[in-house]
Amino acid sequence: MKSTGIVRNIDPLGRVVLPMELRKILDLKVQDPVEIFTHGSDVVIRKYRPSCVFCNRDGSMLQFKGLYVCSHCIAELASSEEDFTENEIL
């Protein structure tokens, strides 16, 4: 990871303001979703990119019942020759 040299304090409500320079670099606009996760003892914030629920790829996505599926997995599912009966699914 690259250090930006920017230090910010957490306010009483637990918020941190991302400086304008950083928002410009990351192309973050007002109301853009960001993803927050940990990597060891680090907290990482990045612009949210939906990824496929099956293979974790990002890119061309279709949202189905709240889940994202990539075009590769859609094609693979469509070409699947396995027919499942109701008993096999249960």
N, C-alpha and C. Protein backbone atom coordinates (compact mmCIF):
# COMPACT_ATOMS: atom_id res chain seq x y z
N MET A 1 0.84 -1.19 0.00
CA MET A 1 0.00 0.00 0.00
C MET A 1 0.87 1.24 0.00
N LYS A 2 0.37 2.26 -0.63
CA LYS A 2 1.10 3.52 -0.74
C LYS A 2 0.59 4.50 0.31
N SER A 3 1.49 5.09 1.07
CA SER A 3 1.10 6.09 2.07
C SER A 3 0.81 7.41 1.38
N THR A 4 -0.28 8.05 1.81
CA THR A 4 -0.63 9.35 1.24
C THR A 4 -0.08 10.49 2.08
N GLY A 5 0.29 10.22 3.31
CA GLY A 5 0.76 11.26 4.21
C GLY A 5 -0.37 12.06 4.83
N ILE A 6 -1.62 11.66 4.55
CA ILE A 6 -2.79 12.36 5.07
C ILE A 6 -3.22 11.68 6.37
N VAL A 7 -3.40 12.48 7.41
CA VAL A 7 -3.86 11.96 8.70
C VAL A 7 -5.15 12.66 9.07
N ARG A 8 -6.14 11.91 9.45
CA ARG A 8 -7.43 12.46 9.87
C ARG A 8 -7.84 11.82 11.18
N ASN A 9 -8.57 12.57 12.01
CA ASN A 9 -9.08 12.04 13.27
C ASN A 9 -10.50 11.52 13.08
N ILE A 10 -10.86 10.54 13.87
CA ILE A 10 -12.23 10.02 13.89
C ILE A 10 -13.05 10.95 14.76
N ASP A 11 -14.22 11.39 14.29
CA ASP A 11 -15.05 12.30 15.08
C ASP A 11 -15.86 11.51 16.11
N PRO A 12 -16.58 12.18 17.01
CA PRO A 12 -17.32 11.50 18.08
C PRO A 12 -18.36 10.49 17.57
N LEU A 13 -18.80 10.63 16.31
CA LEU A 13 -19.77 9.68 15.74
C LEU A 13 -19.09 8.56 14.97
N GLY A 14 -17.75 8.49 15.01
CA GLY A 14 -17.01 7.43 14.34
C GLY A 14 -16.74 7.67 12.87
N ARG A 15 -16.90 8.91 12.42
CA ARG A 15 -16.73 9.24 11.00
C ARG A 15 -15.32 9.74 10.71
N VAL A 16 -14.88 9.50 9.48
CA VAL A 16 -13.62 10.02 8.98
C VAL A 16 -13.93 10.69 7.64
N VAL A 17 -13.44 11.90 7.46
CA VAL A 17 -13.64 12.61 6.20
C VAL A 17 -12.50 12.26 5.25
N LEU A 18 -12.86 11.83 4.02
CA LEU A 18 -11.84 11.59 3.00
C LEU A 18 -11.54 12.92 2.33
N PRO A 19 -10.29 13.34 2.32
CA PRO A 19 -9.94 14.63 1.73
C PRO A 19 -10.28 14.69 0.24
N MET A 20 -10.56 15.89 -0.25
CA MET A 20 -10.93 16.11 -1.64
C MET A 20 -9.88 15.54 -2.60
N GLU A 21 -8.60 15.72 -2.29
CA GLU A 21 -7.54 15.22 -3.17
C GLU A 21 -7.66 13.71 -3.36
N LEU A 22 -7.92 13.01 -2.27
CA LEU A 22 -8.05 11.55 -2.31
C LEU A 22 -9.31 11.14 -3.08
N ARG A 23 -10.40 11.87 -2.87
CA ARG A 23 -11.64 11.57 -3.61
C ARG A 23 -11.46 11.79 -5.10
N LYS A 24 -10.69 12.79 -5.49
CA LYS A 24 -10.42 13.02 -6.91
C LYS A 24 -9.58 11.89 -7.49
N ILE A 25 -8.54 11.49 -6.77
CA ILE A 25 -7.66 10.40 -7.23
C ILE A 25 -8.46 9.11 -7.43
N LEU A 26 -9.37 8.82 -6.51
CA LEU A 26 -10.15 7.58 -6.56
C LEU A 26 -11.45 7.72 -7.34
N ASP A 27 -11.68 8.91 -7.90
CA ASP A 27 -12.90 9.20 -8.66
C ASP A 27 -14.16 8.89 -7.84
N LEU A 28 -14.16 9.35 -6.59
CA LEU A 28 -15.31 9.17 -5.70
C LEU A 28 -16.18 10.41 -5.73
N LYS A 29 -17.44 10.22 -6.03
CA LYS A 29 -18.42 11.30 -6.07
C LYS A 29 -19.35 11.17 -4.87
N VAL A 30 -20.10 12.22 -4.59
CA VAL A 30 -21.09 12.18 -3.52
C VAL A 30 -22.06 11.04 -3.78
N GLN A 31 -22.35 10.25 -2.79
CA GLN A 31 -23.26 9.11 -2.83
C GLN A 31 -22.67 7.87 -3.50
N ASP A 32 -21.40 7.88 -3.94
CA ASP A 32 -20.79 6.67 -4.47
C ASP A 32 -20.61 5.66 -3.33
N PRO A 33 -20.89 4.39 -3.59
CA PRO A 33 -20.68 3.39 -2.54
C PRO A 33 -19.19 3.08 -2.39
N VAL A 34 -18.75 2.90 -1.17
CA VAL A 34 -17.38 2.46 -0.89
C VAL A 34 -17.45 1.17 -0.08
N GLU A 35 -16.41 0.40 -0.21
CA GLU A 35 -16.31 -0.87 0.51
C GLU A 35 -15.26 -0.71 1.60
N ILE A 36 -15.58 -1.17 2.80
CA ILE A 36 -14.66 -1.05 3.94
C ILE A 36 -14.37 -2.47 4.42
N PHE A 37 -13.09 -2.81 4.49
CA PHE A 37 -12.72 -4.13 4.99
C PHE A 37 -11.38 -4.04 5.70
N THR A 38 -10.99 -5.12 6.32
CA THR A 38 -9.71 -5.15 7.03
C THR A 38 -8.75 -6.06 6.29
N HIS A 39 -7.48 -5.73 6.41
CA HIS A 39 -6.39 -6.53 5.86
C HIS A 39 -5.34 -6.58 6.97
N GLY A 40 -5.37 -7.65 7.75
CA GLY A 40 -4.52 -7.70 8.93
C GLY A 40 -4.99 -6.66 9.92
N SER A 41 -4.11 -5.76 10.31
CA SER A 41 -4.50 -4.70 11.25
C SER A 41 -4.86 -3.39 10.53
N ASP A 42 -4.93 -3.43 9.21
CA ASP A 42 -5.25 -2.23 8.42
C ASP A 42 -6.74 -2.18 8.09
N VAL A 43 -7.27 -0.97 8.00
CA VAL A 43 -8.62 -0.74 7.51
C VAL A 43 -8.47 -0.20 6.10
N VAL A 44 -9.15 -0.83 5.14
CA VAL A 44 -9.03 -0.45 3.74
C VAL A 44 -10.38 0.05 3.25
N ILE A 45 -10.36 1.20 2.59
CA ILE A 45 -11.57 1.76 1.98
C ILE A 45 -11.30 1.85 0.49
N ARG A 46 -12.20 1.30 -0.31
CA ARG A 46 -12.04 1.41 -1.76
C ARG A 46 -13.40 1.60 -2.41
N LYS A 47 -13.37 2.13 -3.62
CA LYS A 47 -14.60 2.30 -4.38
C LYS A 47 -15.22 0.93 -4.59
N TYR A 48 -16.52 0.82 -4.34
CA TYR A 48 -17.20 -0.46 -4.43
C TYR A 48 -17.34 -0.92 -5.87
N ARG A 49 -16.95 -2.14 -6.12
CA ARG A 49 -17.12 -2.79 -7.41
C ARG A 49 -17.82 -4.12 -7.15
N PRO A 50 -19.06 -4.27 -7.62
CA PRO A 50 -19.73 -5.55 -7.38
C PRO A 50 -18.98 -6.68 -8.07
N SER A 51 -18.97 -7.84 -7.44
CA SER A 51 -18.30 -9.00 -8.03
C SER A 51 -19.25 -10.19 -8.05
N CYS A 52 -18.94 -11.14 -8.91
CA CYS A 52 -19.79 -12.31 -9.12
C CYS A 52 -19.86 -13.16 -7.86
N VAL A 53 -21.07 -13.58 -7.51
CA VAL A 53 -21.29 -14.39 -6.33
C VAL A 53 -20.65 -15.77 -6.48
N PHE A 54 -20.45 -16.23 -7.71
CA PHE A 54 -19.88 -17.55 -7.95
C PHE A 54 -18.36 -17.55 -8.07
N CYS A 55 -17.81 -16.65 -8.91
CA CYS A 55 -16.37 -16.71 -9.20
C CYS A 55 -15.59 -15.49 -8.70
N ASN A 56 -16.29 -14.50 -8.18
CA ASN A 56 -15.67 -13.29 -7.62
C ASN A 56 -15.06 -12.36 -8.66
N ARG A 57 -15.35 -12.57 -9.95
CA ARG A 57 -14.88 -11.64 -11.00
C ARG A 57 -15.67 -10.35 -10.89
N ASP A 58 -15.06 -9.28 -11.34
CA ASP A 58 -15.82 -8.05 -11.49
C ASP A 58 -15.83 -7.69 -12.97
N GLY A 59 -16.72 -6.86 -13.37
CA GLY A 59 -16.85 -6.50 -14.78
C GLY A 59 -18.32 -6.50 -15.17
N SER A 60 -18.64 -7.16 -16.26
CA SER A 60 -20.00 -7.21 -16.78
C SER A 60 -20.87 -8.06 -15.86
N MET A 61 -21.79 -7.42 -15.15
CA MET A 61 -22.62 -8.10 -14.14
C MET A 61 -24.10 -7.97 -14.45
N LEU A 62 -24.83 -8.98 -14.03
CA LEU A 62 -26.28 -8.95 -14.04
C LEU A 62 -26.71 -9.17 -12.60
N GLN A 63 -27.64 -8.36 -12.13
CA GLN A 63 -28.13 -8.53 -10.76
C GLN A 63 -29.37 -9.40 -10.79
N PHE A 64 -29.35 -10.49 -10.01
CA PHE A 64 -30.46 -11.42 -9.94
C PHE A 64 -30.80 -11.64 -8.47
N LYS A 65 -32.00 -11.23 -8.08
CA LYS A 65 -32.47 -11.37 -6.70
C LYS A 65 -31.46 -10.84 -5.69
N GLY A 66 -30.89 -9.67 -6.00
CA GLY A 66 -29.96 -9.01 -5.08
C GLY A 66 -28.54 -9.52 -5.15
N LEU A 67 -28.24 -10.50 -6.02
CA LEU A 67 -26.90 -11.04 -6.15
C LEU A 67 -26.36 -10.73 -7.54
N TYR A 68 -25.06 -10.49 -7.64
CA TYR A 68 -24.44 -10.20 -8.92
C TYR A 68 -23.85 -11.47 -9.51
N VAL A 69 -24.10 -11.68 -10.81
CA VAL A 69 -23.58 -12.84 -11.53
C VAL A 69 -22.91 -12.32 -12.81
N CYS A 70 -21.69 -12.78 -13.09
CA CYS A 70 -20.96 -12.31 -14.27
C CYS A 70 -21.45 -13.04 -15.52
N SER A 71 -21.15 -12.45 -16.68
CA SER A 71 -21.59 -13.03 -17.95
C SER A 71 -20.97 -14.41 -18.18
N HIS A 72 -19.76 -14.63 -17.69
CA HIS A 72 -19.11 -15.93 -17.83
C HIS A 72 -19.90 -17.02 -17.09
N CYS A 73 -20.29 -16.75 -15.86
CA CYS A 73 -21.04 -17.73 -15.07
C CYS A 73 -22.45 -17.92 -15.62
N ILE A 74 -23.04 -16.85 -16.14
CA ILE A 74 -24.37 -16.97 -16.75
C ILE A 74 -24.29 -17.93 -17.94
N ALA A 75 -23.27 -17.76 -18.78
CA ALA A 75 -23.09 -18.65 -19.94
C ALA A 75 -22.85 -20.08 -19.49
N GLU A 76 -22.05 -20.25 -18.46
CA GLU A 76 -21.77 -21.59 -17.95
C GLU A 76 -23.02 -22.25 -17.39
N LEU A 77 -23.83 -21.48 -16.67
CA LEU A 77 -25.09 -22.02 -16.15
C LEU A 77 -26.05 -22.38 -17.28
N ALA A 78 -26.12 -21.53 -18.29
CA ALA A 78 -27.03 -21.76 -19.41
C ALA A 78 -26.63 -22.99 -20.22
N SER A 79 -25.34 -23.26 -20.31
CA SER A 79 -24.87 -24.39 -21.11
C SER A 79 -24.80 -25.70 -20.31
N SER A 80 -25.10 -25.62 -19.04
CA SER A 80 -25.05 -26.81 -18.19
C SER A 80 -26.07 -27.83 -18.68
N GLU A 81 -25.66 -29.08 -18.84
CA GLU A 81 -26.55 -30.12 -19.33
C GLU A 81 -27.18 -30.93 -18.20
N GLU A 82 -26.82 -30.61 -16.98
CA GLU A 82 -27.36 -31.38 -15.85
C GLU A 82 -28.80 -30.95 -15.59
N ASP A 83 -29.68 -31.93 -15.55
CA ASP A 83 -31.06 -31.66 -15.18
C ASP A 83 -31.25 -32.15 -13.75
N PHE A 84 -31.67 -31.25 -12.90
CA PHE A 84 -31.89 -31.61 -11.51
C PHE A 84 -33.38 -31.81 -11.28
N THR A 85 -33.70 -32.90 -10.62
CA THR A 85 -35.09 -33.09 -10.23
C THR A 85 -35.30 -32.42 -8.90
N GLU A 86 -36.52 -32.23 -8.53
CA GLU A 86 -36.83 -31.58 -7.26
C GLU A 86 -36.22 -32.33 -6.10
N ASN A 87 -36.19 -33.66 -6.14
CA ASN A 87 -35.62 -34.47 -5.05
C ASN A 87 -34.11 -34.28 -4.95
N GLU A 88 -33.42 -34.11 -6.08
CA GLU A 88 -31.97 -33.92 -6.04
C GLU A 88 -31.61 -32.56 -5.43
N ILE A 89 -32.43 -31.57 -5.65
CA ILE A 89 -32.16 -30.23 -5.12
C ILE A 89 -32.34 -30.24 -3.60
N LEU A 90 -33.36 -30.90 -3.13
CA LEU A 90 -33.62 -30.94 -1.69
C LEU A 90 -32.59 -31.82 -1.06
